[in-house]
Amino acid sequence: MEIPTLIVAPEREPRGTVFWFHGFGPGVDKETHRPELTRLANAGFLAVGVDAAGHGQRRDPELAVKQAAPRDQARAAMLEYVEETAHDVSRLLDRFGPAALAGVSMGAFVVYRAAALDPRIRTAVAILGEPLWPIPDHVALLSITAGRDVNVPPDTARAFHAHRRGQHRYLELPGEEHLMSAEGWERTMHETLAWLQSRIAVAAPPL
């Protein structure tokens, strides 16, 4: 089965490809981040939104029940979707060629997990996630967290970057919660685009 995607292409030849991964829950899918995909395309990237396992066109009928479960159970269910989606990334790379990864909340977990699985991943941005897996030093990694996030506290990402080698950056936005303010999200997107633009020089293959 082909993985459902939403592709937003730039007006000129793409400077590279970026896969974007959304969060956890029945109200989110590849369409949720169309504004972010458009910003990526305006910056010259071929932007590819991806329906994570259990979401969008791949909707698990039990998704809402799993999200509403007690915290530990909901997290376990989310991580199952993360694992499946992260393994999908290799199929997406086979289809689209070299690509950077970016994701928010559950999507950030997908980014971290996929970067640990496929050595072809060289550039990644994880927003509001936890790096629970060993990620090779060749991955140029930007992690962005929210200082007051109680859903995904910043401690794990902060500690991970304190010992990381290679190209990496950790940005914690003080005062921001998991649902960021408009100003916090604008800062996040600015930093994301700057990171991608400074590190992607591989043109995307023709569609």
N, C-alpha and C. Protein backbone atom coordinates (compact mmCIF):
# COMPACT_ATOMS: atom_id res chain seq x y z
N MET A 1 0.84 -1.20 0.00
CA MET A 1 0.00 0.00 0.00
C MET A 1 0.88 1.25 0.00
N GLU A 2 0.56 2.18 -0.88
CA GLU A 2 1.33 3.42 -0.94
C GLU A 2 1.01 4.31 0.25
N ILE A 3 2.02 4.95 0.78
CA ILE A 3 1.85 5.83 1.93
C ILE A 3 1.23 7.13 1.46
N PRO A 4 0.08 7.55 2.02
CA PRO A 4 -0.56 8.78 1.55
C PRO A 4 0.29 10.01 1.85
N THR A 5 0.43 10.88 0.86
CA THR A 5 1.23 12.09 1.02
C THR A 5 0.50 13.29 0.41
N LEU A 6 0.86 14.46 0.90
CA LEU A 6 0.40 15.73 0.34
C LEU A 6 1.64 16.48 -0.12
N ILE A 7 1.74 16.72 -1.42
CA ILE A 7 2.95 17.32 -1.99
C ILE A 7 2.67 18.77 -2.36
N VAL A 8 3.51 19.66 -1.86
CA VAL A 8 3.45 21.08 -2.23
C VAL A 8 4.79 21.42 -2.86
N ALA A 9 4.76 21.76 -4.14
CA ALA A 9 6.00 21.99 -4.89
C ALA A 9 6.29 23.47 -5.04
N PRO A 10 7.56 23.85 -5.07
CA PRO A 10 7.93 25.25 -5.31
C PRO A 10 7.73 25.61 -6.77
N GLU A 11 7.74 26.89 -7.06
CA GLU A 11 7.55 27.34 -8.43
C GLU A 11 8.78 27.05 -9.29
N ARG A 12 9.94 27.01 -8.66
CA ARG A 12 11.17 26.73 -9.40
C ARG A 12 11.67 25.32 -9.08
N GLU A 13 12.78 24.94 -9.67
CA GLU A 13 13.38 23.63 -9.39
C GLU A 13 13.67 23.51 -7.89
N PRO A 14 13.20 22.44 -7.26
CA PRO A 14 13.40 22.32 -5.81
C PRO A 14 14.88 22.24 -5.44
N ARG A 15 15.20 22.85 -4.31
CA ARG A 15 16.56 22.75 -3.79
C ARG A 15 16.75 21.46 -3.00
N GLY A 16 15.66 20.79 -2.68
CA GLY A 16 15.70 19.56 -1.91
C GLY A 16 14.30 19.18 -1.47
N THR A 17 14.19 18.06 -0.81
CA THR A 17 12.90 17.54 -0.37
C THR A 17 12.86 17.48 1.15
N VAL A 18 11.70 17.81 1.70
CA VAL A 18 11.49 17.73 3.15
C VAL A 18 10.20 16.95 3.40
N PHE A 19 10.31 15.88 4.20
CA PHE A 19 9.12 15.17 4.68
C PHE A 19 8.67 15.81 5.99
N TRP A 20 7.38 16.07 6.12
CA TRP A 20 6.84 16.69 7.34
C TRP A 20 5.85 15.72 8.00
N PHE A 21 6.02 15.52 9.31
CA PHE A 21 5.21 14.58 10.07
C PHE A 21 4.41 15.30 11.16
N HIS A 22 3.13 15.00 11.24
CA HIS A 22 2.18 15.67 12.13
C HIS A 22 2.13 15.00 13.51
N GLY A 23 1.21 15.52 14.36
CA GLY A 23 1.06 15.03 15.71
C GLY A 23 0.09 13.87 15.84
N PHE A 24 -0.32 13.62 17.10
CA PHE A 24 -1.09 12.43 17.48
C PHE A 24 -2.54 12.80 17.78
N GLY A 25 -3.48 12.09 17.16
CA GLY A 25 -4.88 12.30 17.49
C GLY A 25 -5.78 12.30 16.27
N PRO A 26 -7.09 12.13 16.49
CA PRO A 26 -8.03 12.01 15.37
C PRO A 26 -8.21 13.28 14.57
N GLY A 27 -7.77 14.42 15.10
CA GLY A 27 -7.98 15.67 14.38
C GLY A 27 -6.81 16.12 13.54
N VAL A 28 -5.77 15.30 13.43
CA VAL A 28 -4.58 15.72 12.68
C VAL A 28 -4.22 14.70 11.61
N ASP A 29 -3.68 15.20 10.51
CA ASP A 29 -3.21 14.35 9.42
C ASP A 29 -2.32 15.20 8.53
N LYS A 30 -2.02 14.73 7.34
CA LYS A 30 -1.11 15.44 6.44
C LYS A 30 -1.62 16.81 6.03
N GLU A 31 -2.96 17.01 6.07
CA GLU A 31 -3.54 18.31 5.70
C GLU A 31 -3.36 19.36 6.79
N THR A 32 -3.14 18.92 8.02
CA THR A 32 -3.09 19.85 9.15
C THR A 32 -2.01 20.91 8.97
N HIS A 33 -0.89 20.50 8.40
CA HIS A 33 0.25 21.40 8.29
C HIS A 33 0.45 21.94 6.87
N ARG A 34 -0.65 22.09 6.15
CA ARG A 34 -0.55 22.67 4.81
C ARG A 34 0.13 24.05 4.84
N PRO A 35 -0.16 24.91 5.86
CA PRO A 35 0.55 26.20 5.90
C PRO A 35 2.06 26.04 6.01
N GLU A 36 2.51 25.06 6.81
CA GLU A 36 3.95 24.83 6.95
C GLU A 36 4.54 24.25 5.67
N LEU A 37 3.78 23.38 5.02
CA LEU A 37 4.24 22.84 3.74
C LEU A 37 4.37 23.95 2.70
N THR A 38 3.43 24.88 2.72
CA THR A 38 3.49 25.99 1.78
C THR A 38 4.71 26.87 2.06
N ARG A 39 5.01 27.10 3.33
CA ARG A 39 6.20 27.89 3.67
C ARG A 39 7.47 27.20 3.20
N LEU A 40 7.52 25.89 3.36
CA LEU A 40 8.67 25.14 2.88
C LEU A 40 8.80 25.27 1.36
N ALA A 41 7.67 25.14 0.66
CA ALA A 41 7.71 25.25 -0.80
C ALA A 41 8.12 26.66 -1.22
N ASN A 42 7.64 27.67 -0.51
CA ASN A 42 8.03 29.05 -0.84
C ASN A 42 9.51 29.28 -0.60
N ALA A 43 10.10 28.48 0.28
CA ALA A 43 11.54 28.58 0.54
C ALA A 43 12.35 27.73 -0.45
N GLY A 44 11.67 27.08 -1.38
CA GLY A 44 12.37 26.35 -2.43
C GLY A 44 12.41 24.85 -2.28
N PHE A 45 11.71 24.31 -1.28
CA PHE A 45 11.73 22.87 -1.06
C PHE A 45 10.52 22.17 -1.66
N LEU A 46 10.71 20.93 -2.04
CA LEU A 46 9.58 20.06 -2.34
C LEU A 46 9.08 19.55 -0.99
N ALA A 47 7.91 20.01 -0.56
CA ALA A 47 7.39 19.71 0.78
C ALA A 47 6.40 18.56 0.69
N VAL A 48 6.63 17.55 1.51
CA VAL A 48 5.82 16.33 1.45
C VAL A 48 5.23 16.06 2.84
N GLY A 49 3.93 16.32 2.99
CA GLY A 49 3.24 15.96 4.23
C GLY A 49 2.87 14.49 4.17
N VAL A 50 2.99 13.82 5.30
CA VAL A 50 2.81 12.37 5.35
C VAL A 50 1.71 12.01 6.36
N ASP A 51 0.79 11.16 5.96
CA ASP A 51 -0.16 10.60 6.92
C ASP A 51 0.55 9.54 7.74
N ALA A 52 0.68 9.79 9.04
CA ALA A 52 1.29 8.80 9.92
C ALA A 52 0.40 7.58 10.04
N ALA A 53 0.97 6.48 10.47
CA ALA A 53 0.19 5.27 10.73
C ALA A 53 -0.96 5.61 11.67
N GLY A 54 -2.15 5.11 11.35
CA GLY A 54 -3.31 5.32 12.18
C GLY A 54 -4.03 6.63 11.98
N HIS A 55 -3.55 7.48 11.08
CA HIS A 55 -4.09 8.83 10.91
C HIS A 55 -4.45 9.09 9.45
N GLY A 56 -5.32 10.09 9.25
CA GLY A 56 -5.66 10.50 7.89
C GLY A 56 -6.28 9.37 7.09
N GLN A 57 -5.76 9.13 5.90
CA GLN A 57 -6.25 8.06 5.05
C GLN A 57 -5.91 6.68 5.60
N ARG A 58 -5.08 6.66 6.63
CA ARG A 58 -4.71 5.39 7.27
C ARG A 58 -5.38 5.28 8.65
N ARG A 59 -6.48 5.96 8.82
CA ARG A 59 -7.12 6.14 10.12
C ARG A 59 -7.42 4.81 10.82
N ASP A 60 -6.92 4.68 12.02
CA ASP A 60 -7.25 3.57 12.91
C ASP A 60 -8.60 3.89 13.55
N PRO A 61 -9.62 3.03 13.42
CA PRO A 61 -10.93 3.32 14.00
C PRO A 61 -10.88 3.47 15.52
N GLU A 62 -9.83 2.97 16.15
CA GLU A 62 -9.68 3.08 17.60
C GLU A 62 -8.82 4.27 18.02
N LEU A 63 -8.46 5.13 17.07
CA LEU A 63 -7.53 6.22 17.37
C LEU A 63 -8.02 7.13 18.49
N ALA A 64 -9.27 7.55 18.41
CA ALA A 64 -9.79 8.47 19.43
C ALA A 64 -9.79 7.81 20.81
N VAL A 65 -10.14 6.54 20.86
CA VAL A 65 -10.15 5.81 22.13
C VAL A 65 -8.74 5.71 22.70
N LYS A 66 -7.78 5.43 21.83
CA LYS A 66 -6.39 5.30 22.28
C LYS A 66 -5.86 6.63 22.79
N GLN A 67 -6.20 7.72 22.11
CA GLN A 67 -5.72 9.03 22.56
C GLN A 67 -6.32 9.41 23.91
N ALA A 68 -7.59 9.02 24.14
CA ALA A 68 -8.28 9.39 25.36
C ALA A 68 -7.98 8.46 26.53
N ALA A 69 -7.20 7.43 26.31
CA ALA A 69 -6.86 6.48 27.36
C ALA A 69 -5.97 7.14 28.42
N PRO A 70 -5.78 6.51 29.58
CA PRO A 70 -4.83 7.04 30.57
C PRO A 70 -3.47 7.31 29.94
N ARG A 71 -2.75 8.25 30.51
CA ARG A 71 -1.53 8.79 29.89
C ARG A 71 -0.55 7.72 29.42
N ASP A 72 -0.25 6.75 30.27
CA ASP A 72 0.73 5.73 29.90
C ASP A 72 0.25 4.89 28.72
N GLN A 73 -1.05 4.57 28.72
CA GLN A 73 -1.60 3.78 27.62
C GLN A 73 -1.61 4.58 26.31
N ALA A 74 -1.98 5.86 26.41
CA ALA A 74 -1.99 6.71 25.21
C ALA A 74 -0.58 6.85 24.65
N ARG A 75 0.40 7.02 25.52
CA ARG A 75 1.78 7.14 25.07
C ARG A 75 2.26 5.86 24.39
N ALA A 76 1.90 4.72 24.96
CA ALA A 76 2.28 3.44 24.35
C ALA A 76 1.67 3.29 22.96
N ALA A 77 0.41 3.69 22.82
CA ALA A 77 -0.24 3.62 21.51
C ALA A 77 0.44 4.56 20.53
N MET A 78 0.75 5.78 20.99
CA MET A 78 1.44 6.73 20.12
C MET A 78 2.76 6.17 19.64
N LEU A 79 3.51 5.56 20.53
CA LEU A 79 4.83 5.03 20.15
C LEU A 79 4.72 3.87 19.16
N GLU A 80 3.61 3.14 19.21
CA GLU A 80 3.39 2.11 18.19
C GLU A 80 3.21 2.76 16.81
N TYR A 81 2.43 3.84 16.76
CA TYR A 81 2.28 4.57 15.49
C TYR A 81 3.62 5.15 15.05
N VAL A 82 4.40 5.65 16.00
CA VAL A 82 5.73 6.20 15.69
C VAL A 82 6.60 5.13 15.04
N GLU A 83 6.63 3.96 15.63
CA GLU A 83 7.49 2.89 15.11
C GLU A 83 7.11 2.53 13.68
N GLU A 84 5.82 2.36 13.43
CA GLU A 84 5.38 2.00 12.08
C GLU A 84 5.70 3.11 11.08
N THR A 85 5.42 4.34 11.45
CA THR A 85 5.66 5.47 10.54
C THR A 85 7.14 5.65 10.27
N ALA A 86 7.97 5.49 11.30
CA ALA A 86 9.41 5.64 11.11
C ALA A 86 9.95 4.61 10.13
N HIS A 87 9.42 3.40 10.17
CA HIS A 87 9.85 2.40 9.19
C HIS A 87 9.35 2.74 7.79
N ASP A 88 8.22 3.48 7.71
CA ASP A 88 7.72 3.92 6.40
C ASP A 88 8.68 4.89 5.72
N VAL A 89 9.49 5.58 6.50
CA VAL A 89 10.37 6.61 5.93
C VAL A 89 11.31 6.01 4.90
N SER A 90 11.77 4.81 5.14
CA SER A 90 12.66 4.18 4.15
C SER A 90 11.95 4.00 2.81
N ARG A 91 10.67 3.66 2.85
CA ARG A 91 9.90 3.53 1.61
C ARG A 91 9.72 4.89 0.94
N LEU A 92 9.53 5.92 1.75
CA LEU A 92 9.40 7.26 1.18
C LEU A 92 10.70 7.72 0.53
N LEU A 93 11.82 7.40 1.16
CA LEU A 93 13.12 7.75 0.57
C LEU A 93 13.34 6.99 -0.73
N ASP A 94 12.90 5.75 -0.79
CA ASP A 94 13.00 5.00 -2.04
C ASP A 94 12.18 5.67 -3.14
N ARG A 95 11.06 6.25 -2.75
CA ARG A 95 10.14 6.86 -3.72
C ARG A 95 10.58 8.26 -4.15
N PHE A 96 11.02 9.08 -3.18
CA PHE A 96 11.31 10.48 -3.47
C PHE A 96 12.80 10.79 -3.61
N GLY A 97 13.66 9.91 -3.16
CA GLY A 97 15.09 10.21 -3.15
C GLY A 97 15.50 10.90 -1.86
N PRO A 98 16.70 11.47 -1.82
CA PRO A 98 17.20 12.09 -0.59
C PRO A 98 16.23 13.13 -0.04
N ALA A 99 16.08 13.16 1.28
CA ALA A 99 15.16 14.11 1.91
C ALA A 99 15.58 14.38 3.34
N ALA A 100 15.23 15.58 3.80
CA ALA A 100 15.34 15.91 5.21
C ALA A 100 14.01 15.59 5.87
N LEU A 101 14.03 15.49 7.19
CA LEU A 101 12.81 15.21 7.95
C LEU A 101 12.51 16.36 8.90
N ALA A 102 11.21 16.62 9.08
CA ALA A 102 10.77 17.59 10.09
C ALA A 102 9.45 17.10 10.64
N GLY A 103 9.24 17.30 11.93
CA GLY A 103 7.99 16.85 12.52
C GLY A 103 7.74 17.51 13.85
N VAL A 104 6.46 17.53 14.24
CA VAL A 104 6.05 18.20 15.48
C VAL A 104 5.29 17.21 16.35
N SER A 105 5.57 17.22 17.65
CA SER A 105 4.93 16.36 18.63
C SER A 105 5.16 14.89 18.24
N MET A 106 4.13 14.10 18.01
CA MET A 106 4.37 12.72 17.59
C MET A 106 5.28 12.69 16.37
N GLY A 107 5.12 13.67 15.49
CA GLY A 107 5.96 13.73 14.31
C GLY A 107 7.42 13.90 14.63
N ALA A 108 7.73 14.57 15.75
CA ALA A 108 9.13 14.72 16.17
C ALA A 108 9.68 13.37 16.64
N PHE A 109 8.85 12.58 17.33
CA PHE A 109 9.26 11.23 17.71
C PHE A 109 9.57 10.41 16.45
N VAL A 110 8.73 10.58 15.43
CA VAL A 110 8.98 9.88 14.15
C VAL A 110 10.33 10.29 13.58
N VAL A 111 10.62 11.57 13.61
CA VAL A 111 11.89 12.07 13.08
C VAL A 111 13.06 11.43 13.83
N TYR A 112 13.01 11.46 15.15
CA TYR A 112 14.10 10.87 15.93
C TYR A 112 14.25 9.36 15.63
N ARG A 113 13.13 8.66 15.60
CA ARG A 113 13.20 7.20 15.37
C ARG A 113 13.70 6.88 13.97
N ALA A 114 13.19 7.58 12.97
CA ALA A 114 13.61 7.32 11.60
C ALA A 114 15.09 7.62 11.41
N ALA A 115 15.57 8.70 12.04
CA ALA A 115 16.99 9.05 11.93
C ALA A 115 17.88 7.98 12.54
N ALA A 116 17.35 7.23 13.48
CA ALA A 116 18.10 6.14 14.07
C ALA A 116 18.07 4.88 13.21
N LEU A 117 17.12 4.82 12.28
CA LEU A 117 16.92 3.60 11.49
C LEU A 117 17.59 3.63 10.12
N ASP A 118 17.53 4.77 9.44
CA ASP A 118 17.96 4.82 8.03
C ASP A 118 19.16 5.75 7.88
N PRO A 119 20.31 5.22 7.48
CA PRO A 119 21.52 6.04 7.37
C PRO A 119 21.47 7.08 6.25
N ARG A 120 20.45 7.01 5.39
CA ARG A 120 20.34 8.01 4.33
C ARG A 120 19.87 9.36 4.86
N ILE A 121 19.33 9.39 6.06
CA ILE A 121 18.83 10.65 6.63
C ILE A 121 20.01 11.45 7.15
N ARG A 122 20.16 12.66 6.64
CA ARG A 122 21.30 13.52 6.98
C ARG A 122 20.92 14.79 7.70
N THR A 123 19.68 15.24 7.54
CA THR A 123 19.23 16.49 8.13
C THR A 123 17.85 16.29 8.73
N ALA A 124 17.66 16.80 9.96
CA ALA A 124 16.39 16.57 10.63
C ALA A 124 16.07 17.71 11.59
N VAL A 125 14.76 17.97 11.73
CA VAL A 125 14.26 18.96 12.70
C VAL A 125 13.15 18.28 13.50
N ALA A 126 13.33 18.24 14.81
CA ALA A 126 12.34 17.62 15.70
C ALA A 126 11.78 18.70 16.64
N ILE A 127 10.48 18.91 16.57
CA ILE A 127 9.82 19.97 17.33
C ILE A 127 8.90 19.33 18.37
N LEU A 128 9.19 19.55 19.64
CA LEU A 128 8.34 19.08 20.73
C LEU A 128 8.29 17.56 20.82
N GLY A 129 9.46 16.94 20.72
CA GLY A 129 9.55 15.49 20.84
C GLY A 129 10.64 15.07 21.80
N GLU A 130 10.82 13.76 21.94
CA GLU A 130 11.85 13.20 22.81
C GLU A 130 12.73 12.25 22.02
N PRO A 131 14.05 12.43 22.04
CA PRO A 131 14.97 11.51 21.36
C PRO A 131 15.20 10.27 22.24
N LEU A 132 14.40 9.26 22.02
CA LEU A 132 14.46 8.04 22.84
C LEU A 132 15.38 6.98 22.25
N TRP A 133 15.99 7.27 21.11
CA TRP A 133 16.80 6.29 20.41
C TRP A 133 18.17 6.88 20.08
N PRO A 134 19.21 6.06 19.94
CA PRO A 134 20.53 6.58 19.55
C PRO A 134 20.51 7.04 18.10
N ILE A 135 20.92 8.27 17.87
CA ILE A 135 20.89 8.86 16.54
C ILE A 135 22.32 9.11 16.08
N PRO A 136 22.69 8.61 14.90
CA PRO A 136 24.08 8.75 14.44
C PRO A 136 24.53 10.21 14.38
N ASP A 137 25.81 10.42 14.61
CA ASP A 137 26.36 11.78 14.63
C ASP A 137 26.34 12.44 13.26
N HIS A 138 26.19 11.63 12.18
CA HIS A 138 26.18 12.25 10.85
C HIS A 138 24.89 13.03 10.59
N VAL A 139 23.88 12.84 11.42
CA VAL A 139 22.61 13.56 11.23
C VAL A 139 22.74 14.97 11.79
N ALA A 140 22.56 15.98 10.94
CA ALA A 140 22.52 17.37 11.39
C ALA A 140 21.15 17.61 12.00
N LEU A 141 21.12 17.71 13.33
CA LEU A 141 19.86 17.65 14.06
C LEU A 141 19.57 18.94 14.81
N LEU A 142 18.39 19.50 14.54
CA LEU A 142 17.87 20.62 15.32
C LEU A 142 16.69 20.12 16.13
N SER A 143 16.75 20.31 17.45
CA SER A 143 15.63 19.98 18.32
C SER A 143 15.10 21.27 18.94
N ILE A 144 13.79 21.44 18.88
CA ILE A 144 13.13 22.62 19.48
C ILE A 144 12.11 22.12 20.49
N THR A 145 12.19 22.64 21.72
CA THR A 145 11.25 22.26 22.76
C THR A 145 10.61 23.50 23.37
N ALA A 146 9.58 23.27 24.18
CA ALA A 146 8.89 24.35 24.88
C ALA A 146 9.18 24.22 26.37
N GLY A 147 9.62 25.30 26.97
CA GLY A 147 10.07 25.27 28.35
C GLY A 147 9.02 24.84 29.36
N ARG A 148 7.73 25.10 29.07
CA ARG A 148 6.65 24.77 30.00
C ARG A 148 5.77 23.64 29.47
N ASP A 149 6.33 22.81 28.61
CA ASP A 149 5.59 21.71 28.00
C ASP A 149 5.40 20.58 29.02
N VAL A 150 4.16 20.30 29.41
CA VAL A 150 3.90 19.21 30.34
C VAL A 150 3.55 17.92 29.60
N ASN A 151 3.20 18.01 28.32
CA ASN A 151 2.91 16.81 27.52
C ASN A 151 4.20 16.11 27.12
N VAL A 152 5.16 16.90 26.64
CA VAL A 152 6.48 16.36 26.27
C VAL A 152 7.53 17.28 26.90
N PRO A 153 7.86 17.06 28.16
CA PRO A 153 8.82 17.92 28.84
C PRO A 153 10.16 17.96 28.10
N PRO A 154 10.85 19.09 28.18
CA PRO A 154 12.08 19.27 27.40
C PRO A 154 13.31 18.55 27.95
N ASP A 155 13.21 17.96 29.13
CA ASP A 155 14.39 17.41 29.80
C ASP A 155 15.16 16.39 28.94
N THR A 156 14.44 15.48 28.29
CA THR A 156 15.10 14.41 27.54
C THR A 156 15.90 14.98 26.37
N ALA A 157 15.30 15.89 25.62
CA ALA A 157 16.00 16.48 24.48
C ALA A 157 17.17 17.34 24.94
N ARG A 158 16.97 18.07 26.03
CA ARG A 158 18.04 18.92 26.56
C ARG A 158 19.25 18.07 26.95
N ALA A 159 19.01 16.98 27.67
CA ALA A 159 20.10 16.11 28.10
C ALA A 159 20.77 15.42 26.91
N PHE A 160 19.97 15.04 25.93
CA PHE A 160 20.52 14.38 24.74
C PHE A 160 21.51 15.30 24.02
N HIS A 161 21.13 16.55 23.83
CA HIS A 161 22.00 17.46 23.09
C HIS A 161 23.23 17.87 23.90
N ALA A 162 23.14 17.78 25.21
CA ALA A 162 24.29 18.13 26.05
C ALA A 162 25.47 17.21 25.79
N HIS A 163 25.19 16.01 25.27
CA HIS A 163 26.25 15.03 25.02
C HIS A 163 26.40 14.69 23.53
N ARG A 164 25.71 15.44 22.68
CA ARG A 164 25.73 15.10 21.26
C ARG A 164 26.98 15.65 20.57
N ARG A 165 27.45 14.90 19.59
CA ARG A 165 28.56 15.34 18.75
C ARG A 165 28.02 15.65 17.36
N GLY A 166 28.90 16.18 16.51
CA GLY A 166 28.50 16.49 15.15
C GLY A 166 27.66 17.76 15.08
N GLN A 167 27.01 17.97 13.94
CA GLN A 167 26.21 19.17 13.74
C GLN A 167 24.88 19.03 14.49
N HIS A 168 24.65 19.90 15.42
CA HIS A 168 23.38 19.83 16.14
C HIS A 168 23.12 21.18 16.81
N ARG A 169 21.86 21.39 17.13
CA ARG A 169 21.47 22.58 17.87
C ARG A 169 20.25 22.26 18.70
N TYR A 170 20.23 22.75 19.93
CA TYR A 170 19.08 22.59 20.81
C TYR A 170 18.53 23.97 21.15
N LEU A 171 17.23 24.15 20.92
CA LEU A 171 16.58 25.42 21.22
C LEU A 171 15.37 25.16 22.10
N GLU A 172 15.39 25.73 23.29
CA GLU A 172 14.26 25.61 24.22
C GLU A 172 13.61 26.99 24.34
N LEU A 173 12.33 27.05 24.06
CA LEU A 173 11.62 28.32 24.08
C LEU A 173 10.99 28.53 25.45
N PRO A 174 11.55 29.42 26.26
CA PRO A 174 11.04 29.62 27.62
C PRO A 174 9.63 30.18 27.61
N GLY A 175 8.82 29.69 28.54
CA GLY A 175 7.46 30.19 28.66
C GLY A 175 6.46 29.55 27.72
N GLU A 176 6.94 28.82 26.71
CA GLU A 176 6.02 28.20 25.75
C GLU A 176 5.53 26.84 26.27
N GLU A 177 4.29 26.51 25.91
CA GLU A 177 3.69 25.23 26.25
C GLU A 177 3.61 24.36 24.99
N HIS A 178 3.07 23.14 25.16
CA HIS A 178 3.01 22.23 24.01
C HIS A 178 2.23 22.86 22.86
N LEU A 179 1.14 23.51 23.19
CA LEU A 179 0.41 24.29 22.19
C LEU A 179 1.01 25.69 22.22
N MET A 180 1.91 25.96 21.30
CA MET A 180 2.68 27.20 21.33
C MET A 180 1.83 28.42 21.00
N SER A 181 2.31 29.56 21.46
CA SER A 181 1.73 30.83 21.06
C SER A 181 2.06 31.08 19.59
N ALA A 182 1.36 32.02 18.98
CA ALA A 182 1.66 32.38 17.58
C ALA A 182 3.10 32.84 17.44
N GLU A 183 3.59 33.60 18.43
CA GLU A 183 4.97 34.08 18.38
C GLU A 183 5.96 32.92 18.52
N GLY A 184 5.64 31.98 19.41
CA GLY A 184 6.52 30.83 19.57
C GLY A 184 6.58 29.97 18.33
N TRP A 185 5.42 29.79 17.68
CA TRP A 185 5.41 28.97 16.46
C TRP A 185 6.14 29.68 15.32
N GLU A 186 6.00 30.98 15.24
CA GLU A 186 6.72 31.73 14.20
C GLU A 186 8.22 31.59 14.40
N ARG A 187 8.69 31.69 15.64
CA ARG A 187 10.11 31.50 15.92
C ARG A 187 10.54 30.08 15.53
N THR A 188 9.69 29.12 15.85
CA THR A 188 9.99 27.72 15.52
C THR A 188 10.14 27.53 14.01
N MET A 189 9.22 28.08 13.24
CA MET A 189 9.30 27.92 11.79
C MET A 189 10.50 28.67 11.21
N HIS A 190 10.79 29.84 11.75
CA HIS A 190 11.97 30.59 11.30
C HIS A 190 13.23 29.76 11.51
N GLU A 191 13.37 29.18 12.68
CA GLU A 191 14.55 28.38 12.99
C GLU A 191 14.60 27.11 12.13
N THR A 192 13.43 26.51 11.91
CA THR A 192 13.37 25.30 11.09
C THR A 192 13.83 25.58 9.67
N LEU A 193 13.29 26.63 9.07
CA LEU A 193 13.66 26.97 7.70
C LEU A 193 15.13 27.34 7.59
N ALA A 194 15.64 28.07 8.57
CA ALA A 194 17.06 28.44 8.54
C ALA A 194 17.95 27.21 8.62
N TRP A 195 17.58 26.26 9.46
CA TRP A 195 18.37 25.03 9.59
C TRP A 195 18.37 24.24 8.29
N LEU A 196 17.20 24.08 7.70
CA LEU A 196 17.10 23.33 6.45
C LEU A 196 17.83 24.03 5.31
N GLN A 197 17.65 25.34 5.19
CA GLN A 197 18.26 26.08 4.11
C GLN A 197 19.79 26.05 4.19
N SER A 198 20.32 26.01 5.39
CA SER A 198 21.78 26.02 5.55
C SER A 198 22.41 24.66 5.31
N ARG A 199 21.60 23.62 5.21
CA ARG A 199 22.17 22.28 5.15
C ARG A 199 21.72 21.44 3.96
N ILE A 200 20.73 21.90 3.22
CA ILE A 200 20.26 21.10 2.09
C ILE A 200 20.73 21.73 0.79
N ALA A 201 21.47 20.95 0.04
CA ALA A 201 21.95 21.43 -1.26
C ALA A 201 21.71 20.40 -2.34
N VAL A 202 21.00 19.33 -2.01
CA VAL A 202 20.74 18.26 -2.98
C VAL A 202 19.41 18.51 -3.64
N ALA A 203 19.41 18.60 -4.95
CA ALA A 203 18.16 18.84 -5.68
C ALA A 203 17.29 17.60 -5.63
N ALA A 204 15.98 17.80 -5.56
CA ALA A 204 15.06 16.70 -5.58
C ALA A 204 14.97 16.13 -6.99
N PRO A 205 14.71 14.81 -7.12
CA PRO A 205 14.54 14.22 -8.45
C PRO A 205 13.20 14.66 -9.04
N PRO A 206 13.05 14.57 -10.35
CA PRO A 206 11.77 14.91 -10.97
C PRO A 206 10.66 14.04 -10.43
N LEU A 207 9.46 14.59 -10.34
CA LEU A 207 8.31 13.80 -9.88
C LEU A 207 7.85 12.86 -11.01
